[in-house]
Amino acid sequence: MTDKKLAVGFVGTGVMGQGMVRNLLKAGFPVQVYNRTKEKAEALISEGAVWQETIQSLAEASDVVITIVGYPKDVEQVYLDENGIVAHAKDGALLIDMTTSSPRLAGTIYNEAKKRGLSSLDAPVSGGDVGAKNGTLSIMVGGDEAAFEKAFPILEAMGQNIVHQGVAGAGQHTKMSNQITIAGNMLGVCEAIAYAVKAGLDPDRVLKSISSGAAGSFSLSNLAPRMLTGDFNPGFYVKHFIKDMTIALQSCEEMGLLTPGLALAKERYDELAGMGFGDLGTQALYKLYIKE
């Protein structure tokens, strides 16, 4: 069982990171945090998290380092920069990247960490801001079995469905499968609601009928109601979903897999971002189907 006295460093206190850090604190882990914008960490600091001025100082002071940042380029910089985590982590430290990022990059970080005697896991999550807040995230993990076992009590503080998928990069590949599923589903959810409205139905009543049947999904149950109330605040940003779909399409191309549904979904989200809505939640796709 992981020692609750282990110092946990957490990089990235955005929409997802806020809830994840709070759940680590509730579970009894001492947590220190770093974020590019300190203001986004102020609430966590007031609740017991310790601020670190740099990634280097956080890495040097942490037994376990968790990251959830924006893009693969951010992951690469945070881990592989000369002032980054791999270069400055404690001997024997456990590194856990929970960003949705490139499977290929996850493998690179694993190899570079191993050279220093460090353990590395890629552990992207699904469940959005609600799952992060409630500690119910689905966590998909790639890396060595021993590292997974060591990390499990820490991951358990943030999620419920925690599955070791295989070698380094397997967690990211699993997340790509997740995002491909969501991409197609979001198109269906938006079009179903638009259809119900156009047919003169009460869309709330329609949701009551279809959300618990064969059409049921997280997006239908949790995001469709937000669409109907005009709540497009981000649980997961449009711009970050576009990033994920781009990674998935690149991986599909490398494997020679044709995914026309994913390509169409990205095209629609690119259109939405082009209208200036990249910082809204993914449910804002509904804006393409309604007149504001």
Protein backbone atom coordinates (compact mmCIF):
# COMPACT_ATOMS: atom_id res chain seq x y z
CA MET A 1 0.00 0.00 0.00
CA THR A 2 1.31 3.45 -0.89
CA ASP A 3 2.55 5.50 2.05
CA LYS A 4 0.27 8.49 2.57
CA LYS A 5 3.37 10.41 3.74
CA LEU A 6 4.83 10.34 0.22
CA ALA A 7 5.09 13.87 -1.16
CA VAL A 8 2.87 14.23 -4.24
CA GLY A 9 3.68 16.99 -6.71
CA PHE A 10 0.92 18.07 -9.07
CA VAL A 11 1.48 20.15 -12.23
CA GLY A 12 -1.60 21.69 -13.86
CA THR A 13 -4.40 23.04 -11.66
CA GLY A 14 -6.93 23.83 -14.38
CA VAL A 15 -10.52 22.62 -14.79
CA MET A 16 -9.57 18.99 -14.16
CA GLY A 17 -6.60 19.48 -11.86
CA GLN A 18 -8.56 21.45 -9.27
CA GLY A 19 -10.85 18.55 -8.41
CA MET A 20 -8.10 15.97 -8.64
CA VAL A 21 -5.86 17.81 -6.17
CA ARG A 22 -8.76 18.28 -3.75
CA ASN A 23 -9.42 14.55 -3.77
CA LEU A 24 -5.75 13.78 -3.14
CA LEU A 25 -5.83 16.16 -0.17
CA LYS A 26 -9.03 14.56 1.13
CA ALA A 27 -7.37 11.14 0.88
CA GLY A 28 -4.58 12.35 3.15
CA PHE A 29 -1.77 12.85 0.65
CA PRO A 30 0.45 15.91 1.17
CA VAL A 31 0.30 17.75 -2.14
CA GLN A 32 2.45 20.50 -3.60
CA VAL A 33 1.36 22.23 -6.76
CA TYR A 34 2.70 24.20 -9.70
CA ASN A 35 0.76 25.98 -12.41
CA ARG A 36 1.86 28.54 -14.98
CA THR A 37 -0.73 30.91 -13.53
CA LYS A 38 -0.49 30.91 -9.74
CA GLU A 39 -3.96 32.47 -9.38
CA LYS A 40 -5.50 29.21 -10.58
CA ALA A 41 -3.88 27.43 -7.63
CA GLU A 42 -4.76 29.96 -4.91
CA ALA A 43 -7.90 28.14 -3.77
CA LEU A 44 -5.99 24.86 -3.47
CA ILE A 45 -3.20 26.56 -1.54
CA SER A 46 -5.79 27.90 0.92
CA GLU A 47 -7.07 24.33 1.32
CA GLY A 48 -3.66 22.87 2.22
CA ALA A 49 -1.68 22.40 -0.98
CA VAL A 50 1.86 23.79 -0.94
CA TRP A 51 2.96 26.07 -3.77
CA GLN A 52 6.19 25.47 -5.68
CA GLU A 53 7.68 28.30 -7.75
CA THR A 54 9.05 26.08 -10.54
CA ILE A 55 8.59 22.63 -12.04
CA GLN A 56 12.21 21.92 -11.13
CA SER A 57 11.67 22.67 -7.44
CA LEU A 58 8.46 20.62 -7.42
CA ALA A 59 10.20 17.65 -9.01
CA GLU A 60 13.09 17.83 -6.56
CA ALA A 61 10.70 17.84 -3.59
CA SER A 62 8.25 15.11 -4.73
CA ASP A 63 8.21 11.33 -4.42
CA VAL A 64 5.39 11.15 -6.95
CA VAL A 65 4.84 13.71 -9.72
CA ILE A 66 1.45 13.96 -11.46
CA THR A 67 0.83 16.14 -14.49
CA ILE A 68 -2.26 17.17 -16.41
CA VAL A 69 -1.46 19.96 -18.82
CA GLY A 70 -2.77 21.12 -22.18
CA TYR A 71 -1.02 19.77 -25.26
CA PRO A 72 1.66 17.22 -26.18
CA LYS A 73 4.14 20.08 -26.62
CA ASP A 74 3.43 21.08 -23.01
CA VAL A 75 3.93 17.49 -21.84
CA GLU A 76 7.23 17.28 -23.70
CA GLN A 77 8.46 20.53 -22.20
CA VAL A 78 7.33 19.69 -18.66
CA TYR A 79 9.04 16.29 -18.72
CA LEU A 80 11.97 16.52 -21.10
CA ASP A 81 13.19 20.13 -20.85
CA GLU A 82 16.55 20.60 -19.12
CA ASN A 83 14.65 22.15 -16.21
CA GLY A 84 11.90 19.54 -16.41
CA ILE A 85 10.70 16.63 -14.35
CA VAL A 86 12.84 13.80 -15.71
CA ALA A 87 16.07 15.75 -15.22
CA HIS A 88 15.26 16.85 -11.67
CA ALA A 89 13.04 14.15 -10.14
CA LYS A 90 14.18 12.39 -6.97
CA ASP A 91 15.94 9.06 -7.38
CA GLY A 92 13.29 6.36 -7.68
CA ALA A 93 10.43 8.83 -8.16
CA LEU A 94 7.17 7.80 -9.81
CA LEU A 95 6.00 9.99 -12.70
CA ILE A 96 2.35 9.92 -13.81
CA ASP A 97 1.20 11.92 -16.83
CA MET A 98 -2.60 12.19 -16.86
CA THR A 99 -2.76 14.53 -19.84
CA THR A 100 -4.38 13.18 -22.98
CA SER A 101 -1.30 13.13 -25.16
CA SER A 102 0.57 11.22 -27.85
CA PRO A 103 1.15 7.48 -27.34
CA ARG A 104 4.52 7.91 -29.03
CA LEU A 105 5.51 10.68 -26.59
CA ALA A 106 4.45 8.50 -23.65
CA GLY A 107 6.93 5.90 -24.84
CA THR A 108 9.69 8.50 -25.12
CA ILE A 109 9.09 9.77 -21.58
CA TYR A 110 9.08 6.18 -20.28
CA ASN A 111 12.45 5.47 -21.90
CA GLU A 112 14.05 8.71 -20.72
CA ALA A 113 12.73 8.19 -17.19
CA LYS A 114 14.04 4.62 -17.13
CA LYS A 115 17.54 5.87 -17.95
CA ARG A 116 17.46 7.77 -14.65
CA GLY A 117 15.97 4.89 -12.68
CA LEU A 118 12.54 6.53 -12.57
CA SER A 119 9.14 4.89 -13.07
CA SER A 120 6.75 6.42 -15.60
CA LEU A 121 3.06 5.87 -16.33
CA ASP A 122 0.76 7.39 -18.91
CA ALA A 123 -2.64 7.59 -17.24
CA PRO A 124 -5.13 9.78 -19.14
CA VAL A 125 -8.61 10.18 -17.70
CA SER A 126 -12.23 10.42 -18.77
CA GLY A 127 -15.17 11.83 -16.86
CA GLY A 128 -14.79 15.58 -17.28
CA ASP A 129 -15.03 18.19 -14.56
CA VAL A 130 -17.80 16.24 -12.82
CA GLY A 131 -15.65 13.11 -12.54
CA ALA A 132 -12.64 15.13 -11.39
CA LYS A 133 -14.70 16.84 -8.70
CA ASN A 134 -16.39 13.66 -7.47
CA GLY A 135 -13.34 11.42 -7.69
CA THR A 136 -15.06 9.12 -10.18
CA LEU A 137 -12.73 9.44 -13.15
CA SER A 138 -12.03 6.53 -15.46
CA ILE A 139 -8.24 6.16 -15.56
CA MET A 140 -6.47 4.29 -18.38
CA VAL A 141 -2.91 3.34 -17.52
CA GLY A 142 0.14 2.33 -19.54
CA GLY A 143 3.49 1.32 -18.09
CA ASP A 144 5.11 -1.35 -15.93
CA GLU A 145 2.93 -3.47 -13.65
CA ALA A 146 5.06 -2.67 -10.58
CA ALA A 147 4.68 1.08 -11.16
CA PHE A 148 0.93 0.65 -11.63
CA GLU A 149 0.62 -1.21 -8.33
CA LYS A 150 2.57 1.51 -6.54
CA ALA A 151 0.42 4.22 -8.11
CA PHE A 152 -2.93 2.52 -7.56
CA PRO A 153 -3.79 4.01 -4.12
CA ILE A 154 -2.96 7.47 -5.48
CA LEU A 155 -5.04 6.95 -8.61
CA GLU A 156 -7.84 5.52 -6.45
CA ALA A 157 -8.14 8.88 -4.70
CA MET A 158 -9.06 10.46 -8.04
CA GLY A 159 -10.98 7.76 -9.88
CA GLN A 160 -13.01 4.56 -9.69
CA ASN A 161 -12.55 2.68 -12.94
CA ILE A 162 -8.77 2.24 -12.98
CA VAL A 163 -7.42 -0.26 -15.52
CA HIS A 164 -3.85 -1.17 -16.40
CA GLN A 165 -3.96 -1.41 -20.19
CA GLY A 166 -0.41 -2.58 -20.89
CA VAL A 167 2.99 -1.18 -21.78
CA ALA A 168 3.96 2.49 -22.01
CA GLY A 169 1.63 4.27 -24.43
CA ALA A 170 -1.23 1.82 -23.91
CA GLY A 171 -3.05 4.27 -21.66
CA GLN A 172 -2.94 6.93 -24.36
CA HIS A 173 -4.08 4.51 -27.05
CA THR A 174 -7.03 3.57 -24.83
CA LYS A 175 -7.88 7.25 -24.37
CA MET A 176 -7.88 7.65 -28.14
CA SER A 177 -10.48 4.87 -28.34
CA ASN A 178 -12.47 6.78 -25.72
CA GLN A 179 -12.27 10.06 -27.64
CA ILE A 180 -13.23 8.42 -30.93
CA THR A 181 -16.35 7.07 -29.21
CA ILE A 182 -17.22 10.46 -27.75
CA ALA A 183 -16.62 12.29 -31.03
CA GLY A 184 -19.22 10.28 -32.90
CA ASN A 185 -21.59 10.28 -29.94
CA MET A 186 -21.52 14.09 -29.61
CA LEU A 187 -22.64 14.45 -33.22
CA GLY A 188 -25.51 12.07 -32.53
CA VAL A 189 -26.55 13.82 -29.31
CA CYS A 190 -26.64 17.26 -30.94
CA GLU A 191 -28.55 16.03 -33.95
CA ALA A 192 -31.04 14.10 -31.80
CA ILE A 193 -31.87 17.17 -29.73
CA ALA A 194 -32.08 19.38 -32.81
CA TYR A 195 -34.44 16.83 -34.36
CA ALA A 196 -36.64 16.74 -31.26
CA VAL A 197 -36.91 20.54 -31.18
CA LYS A 198 -37.63 20.74 -34.93
CA ALA A 199 -40.36 18.10 -34.55
CA GLY A 200 -42.07 20.23 -31.89
CA LEU A 201 -41.31 17.87 -29.00
CA ASP A 202 -40.36 18.80 -25.45
CA PRO A 203 -36.64 17.97 -25.53
CA ASP A 204 -36.48 17.44 -21.75
CA ARG A 205 -39.14 14.76 -22.03
CA VAL A 206 -37.34 13.23 -24.98
CA LEU A 207 -34.18 12.97 -22.88
CA LYS A 208 -36.13 11.17 -20.15
CA SER A 209 -37.14 8.54 -22.69
CA ILE A 210 -33.91 8.02 -24.57
CA SER A 211 -31.17 8.56 -21.98
CA SER A 212 -31.94 5.33 -20.12
CA GLY A 213 -32.47 3.22 -23.23
CA ALA A 214 -30.12 1.82 -25.84
CA ALA A 215 -29.05 5.35 -26.83
CA GLY A 216 -27.87 6.15 -23.32
CA SER A 217 -24.41 7.68 -22.83
CA PHE A 218 -22.48 10.05 -20.58
CA SER A 219 -22.86 12.82 -23.15
CA LEU A 220 -26.62 12.30 -23.43
CA SER A 221 -27.16 12.24 -19.66
CA ASN A 222 -24.70 14.95 -18.60
CA LEU A 223 -24.09 17.27 -21.54
CA ALA A 224 -27.44 17.27 -23.37
CA PRO A 225 -29.19 18.96 -20.38
CA ARG A 226 -26.50 21.66 -20.45
CA MET A 227 -27.15 22.20 -24.15
CA LEU A 228 -30.84 22.75 -23.48
CA THR A 229 -30.19 25.38 -20.80
CA GLY A 230 -27.54 27.16 -22.84
CA ASP A 231 -24.81 26.19 -20.38
CA PHE A 232 -21.69 25.95 -22.51
CA ASN A 233 -19.18 26.42 -19.70
CA PRO A 234 -16.24 24.04 -20.09
CA GLY A 235 -16.06 20.72 -18.34
CA PHE A 236 -13.74 19.91 -21.21
CA TYR A 237 -12.64 22.56 -23.70
CA VAL A 238 -13.50 22.45 -27.40
CA LYS A 239 -9.87 23.34 -28.19
CA HIS A 240 -8.60 20.42 -26.14
CA PHE A 241 -11.04 18.00 -27.76
CA ILE A 242 -9.77 19.13 -31.17
CA LYS A 243 -6.25 18.39 -29.91
CA ASP A 244 -7.33 14.90 -28.87
CA MET A 245 -9.02 14.17 -32.18
CA THR A 246 -5.90 15.38 -34.02
CA ILE A 247 -3.76 12.93 -32.03
CA ALA A 248 -6.25 10.14 -32.70
CA LEU A 249 -6.31 10.84 -36.43
CA GLN A 250 -2.50 10.88 -36.54
CA SER A 251 -2.39 7.54 -34.72
CA CYS A 252 -5.00 6.11 -37.08
CA GLU A 253 -2.96 7.23 -40.07
CA GLU A 254 0.17 5.59 -38.63
CA MET A 255 -1.76 2.33 -38.22
CA GLY A 256 -3.44 2.55 -41.62
CA LEU A 257 -6.92 2.75 -40.08
CA LEU A 258 -9.70 4.70 -41.80
CA THR A 259 -12.02 6.59 -39.39
CA PRO A 260 -14.46 8.77 -41.39
CA GLY A 261 -16.72 9.39 -38.39
CA LEU A 262 -13.83 10.83 -36.38
CA ALA A 263 -12.75 12.96 -39.34
CA LEU A 264 -16.26 14.40 -39.67
CA ALA A 265 -16.49 15.18 -35.95
CA LYS A 266 -13.17 17.02 -36.03
CA GLU A 267 -14.33 18.97 -39.07
CA ARG A 268 -17.43 20.12 -37.18
CA TYR A 269 -15.46 21.06 -34.07
CA ASP A 270 -12.94 22.94 -36.20
CA GLU A 271 -15.89 24.91 -37.58
CA LEU A 272 -17.04 25.67 -34.04
CA ALA A 273 -13.58 26.82 -32.98
CA GLY A 274 -13.37 28.97 -36.11
CA MET A 275 -16.45 30.81 -34.84
CA GLY A 276 -14.53 31.77 -31.70
CA PHE A 277 -15.87 29.06 -29.37
CA GLY A 278 -12.68 27.12 -28.65
CA ASP A 279 -12.76 27.97 -24.94
CA LEU A 280 -16.30 26.67 -24.43
CA GLY A 281 -17.21 23.15 -23.37
CA THR A 282 -17.61 20.37 -25.92
CA GLN A 283 -21.40 20.58 -25.57
CA ALA A 284 -21.15 23.91 -27.44
CA LEU A 285 -21.23 21.84 -30.63
CA TYR A 286 -24.99 22.29 -30.31
CA LYS A 287 -24.48 25.91 -31.36
CA LEU A 288 -24.01 24.68 -34.92
CA TYR A 289 -27.58 23.36 -34.86
CA ILE A 290 -29.42 26.34 -33.34
CA LYS A 291 -29.83 30.02 -34.07
CA GLU A 292 -28.53 32.19 -31.27
